[in-house]
Structure formats: C-alpha cells, structure tokens
Amino acid sequence: MPMLEVFYSGDRPPDRTRKQAFAAEASAIFQRVIGTPPGRLQLIIQIVSPENTLAVIDLDRSDGDTTVEPDQQ
C-alpha cells in the first residue's frame, strides 16, 4: 500500500476542504501513474511551524544582518 507524507508550513494550517481536495487529487495521480486502487493510498499531512523550517533563516535576517555567507561571495 503506497503512502504519501506531506509536510506543510504556512501562516495557517490548511482547512479540511483543502486537505480533502489535496487527498482526492493525490489519490487520482497515484491511481493513474502506478495503478493504486481507489482508497488504498495512505496520506499523512504533517503541519510544521515556520520556526522549524529554513524560513527561520529569513526571519533571523530581518533584524538588519547583511552578512554575506561564505558560499555566496
């Protein structure tokens, strides 16, 4: 049984309607591409706060830090 794990980060978590629409589309894609029977796709949506993503880098730079990273020189 295939499983799809999605990590979502944003200002607000997606509502139930958006999750259902995503699940329906993902199921249709899995059915079309690898022949997964309807209802067999396991879908997990993990909500991740922006503080636990690379977005924290942009938040840290908003304090006026204009230091160029070594790999960007």
C-alpha atoms as a PDB file:
ATOM      1  CA  MET A   1       0.000   0.000   0.000  1.00  0.00           C
ATOM      2  CA  PRO A   2       1.613   3.305  -1.056  1.00  0.00           C
ATOM      3  CA  MET A   3       1.976   6.121   1.446  1.00  0.00           C
ATOM      4  CA  LEU A   4       2.438   9.820   0.782  1.00  0.00           C
ATOM      5  CA  GLU A   5       3.694  12.063   3.574  1.00  0.00           C
ATOM      6  CA  VAL A   6       3.306  15.799   3.054  1.00  0.00           C
ATOM      7  CA  PHE A   7       4.955  18.458   5.193  1.00  0.00           C
ATOM      8  CA  TYR A   8       3.083  21.763   5.191  1.00  0.00           C
ATOM      9  CA  SER A   9       4.312  25.061   6.594  1.00  0.00           C
ATOM     10  CA  GLY A  10       2.481  28.324   6.298  1.00  0.00           C
ATOM     11  CA  ASP A  11       0.783  31.132   8.140  1.00  0.00           C
ATOM     12  CA  ARG A  12      -2.265  28.960   8.811  1.00  0.00           C
ATOM     13  CA  PRO A  13      -2.811  25.211   8.515  1.00  0.00           C
ATOM     14  CA  PRO A  14      -4.914  24.152   5.523  1.00  0.00           C
ATOM     15  CA  ASP A  15      -8.594  23.713   6.312  1.00  0.00           C
ATOM     16  CA  ARG A  16     -10.462  20.419   5.932  1.00  0.00           C
ATOM     17  CA  THR A  17     -11.725  21.318   2.436  1.00  0.00           C
ATOM     18  CA  ARG A  18      -8.189  21.942   1.133  1.00  0.00           C
ATOM     19  CA  LYS A  19      -6.935  18.714   2.714  1.00  0.00           C
ATOM     20  CA  GLN A  20      -9.783  16.754   1.107  1.00  0.00           C
ATOM     21  CA  ALA A  21      -9.109  18.326  -2.298  1.00  0.00           C
ATOM     22  CA  PHE A  22      -5.398  17.508  -1.997  1.00  0.00           C
ATOM     23  CA  ALA A  23      -6.170  13.929  -0.942  1.00  0.00           C
ATOM     24  CA  ALA A  24      -8.550  13.425  -3.872  1.00  0.00           C
ATOM     25  CA  GLU A  25      -6.011  14.750  -6.387  1.00  0.00           C
ATOM     26  CA  ALA A  26      -3.139  12.734  -4.884  1.00  0.00           C
ATOM     27  CA  SER A  27      -5.258   9.591  -4.992  1.00  0.00           C
ATOM     28  CA  ALA A  28      -6.166  10.213  -8.639  1.00  0.00           C
ATOM     29  CA  ILE A  29      -2.489  10.736  -9.548  1.00  0.00           C
ATOM     30  CA  PHE A  30      -1.375   7.564  -7.756  1.00  0.00           C
ATOM     31  CA  GLN A  31      -4.174   5.621  -9.447  1.00  0.00           C
ATOM     32  CA  ARG A  32      -3.242   6.938 -12.892  1.00  0.00           C
ATOM     33  CA  VAL A  33       0.535   6.656 -12.562  1.00  0.00           C
ATOM     34  CA  ILE A  34       1.097   3.428 -10.611  1.00  0.00           C
ATOM     35  CA  GLY A  35      -2.343   1.845 -10.585  1.00  0.00           C
ATOM     36  CA  THR A  36      -3.145   2.302  -6.901  1.00  0.00           C
ATOM     37  CA  PRO A  37      -6.760   1.236  -6.333  1.00  0.00           C
ATOM     38  CA  PRO A  38      -9.084   3.964  -5.001  1.00  0.00           C
ATOM     39  CA  GLY A  39      -8.979   4.181  -1.213  1.00  0.00           C
ATOM     40  CA  ARG A  40      -5.605   2.419  -0.900  1.00  0.00           C
ATOM     41  CA  LEU A  41      -3.315   5.473  -0.740  1.00  0.00           C
ATOM     42  CA  GLN A  42      -2.244   6.323   2.797  1.00  0.00           C
ATOM     43  CA  LEU A  43      -1.866  10.100   3.134  1.00  0.00           C
ATOM     44  CA  ILE A  44      -0.265  11.844   6.094  1.00  0.00           C
ATOM     45  CA  ILE A  45      -0.227  15.637   6.307  1.00  0.00           C
ATOM     46  CA  GLN A  46       2.253  16.981   8.843  1.00  0.00           C
ATOM     47  CA  ILE A  47       1.873  20.620   9.871  1.00  0.00           C
ATOM     48  CA  VAL A  48       5.262  22.203  10.566  1.00  0.00           C
ATOM     49  CA  SER A  49       5.605  25.655  12.119  1.00  0.00           C
ATOM     50  CA  PRO A  50       7.761  28.113  10.150  1.00  0.00           C
ATOM     51  CA  GLU A  51      10.187  28.226  13.092  1.00  0.00           C
ATOM     52  CA  ASN A  52      11.033  24.580  12.376  1.00  0.00           C
ATOM     53  CA  THR A  53      11.883  25.131   8.697  1.00  0.00           C
ATOM     54  CA  LEU A  54      14.502  27.025   6.729  1.00  0.00           C
ATOM     55  CA  ALA A  55      12.147  30.017   6.876  1.00  0.00           C
ATOM     56  CA  VAL A  56      13.778  30.743  10.225  1.00  0.00           C
ATOM     57  CA  ILE A  57      16.867  31.879   8.282  1.00  0.00           C
ATOM     58  CA  ASP A  58      14.843  34.633   6.596  1.00  0.00           C
ATOM     59  CA  LEU A  59      13.272  35.584   9.931  1.00  0.00           C
ATOM     60  CA  ASP A  60      16.725  35.870  11.514  1.00  0.00           C
ATOM     61  CA  ARG A  61      17.976  38.168   8.737  1.00  0.00           C
ATOM     62  CA  SER A  62      15.109  40.601   9.215  1.00  0.00           C
ATOM     63  CA  ASP A  63      16.985  42.074  12.196  1.00  0.00           C
ATOM     64  CA  GLY A  64      19.280  44.014   9.847  1.00  0.00           C
ATOM     65  CA  ASP A  65      22.008  41.394   9.414  1.00  0.00           C
ATOM     66  CA  THR A  66      23.550  41.924   5.987  1.00  0.00           C
ATOM     67  CA  THR A  67      26.418  39.468   6.438  1.00  0.00           C
ATOM     68  CA  VAL A  68      27.173  37.510   3.272  1.00  0.00           C
ATOM     69  CA  GLU A  69      27.561  33.790   3.789  1.00  0.00           C
ATOM     70  CA  PRO A  70      30.923  32.337   2.658  1.00  0.00           C
ATOM     71  CA  ASP A  71      29.356  30.333  -0.177  1.00  0.00           C
ATOM     72  CA  GLN A  72      27.642  33.456  -1.562  1.00  0.00           C
ATOM     73  CA  GLN A  73      30.822  35.503  -2.089  1.00  0.00           C
END
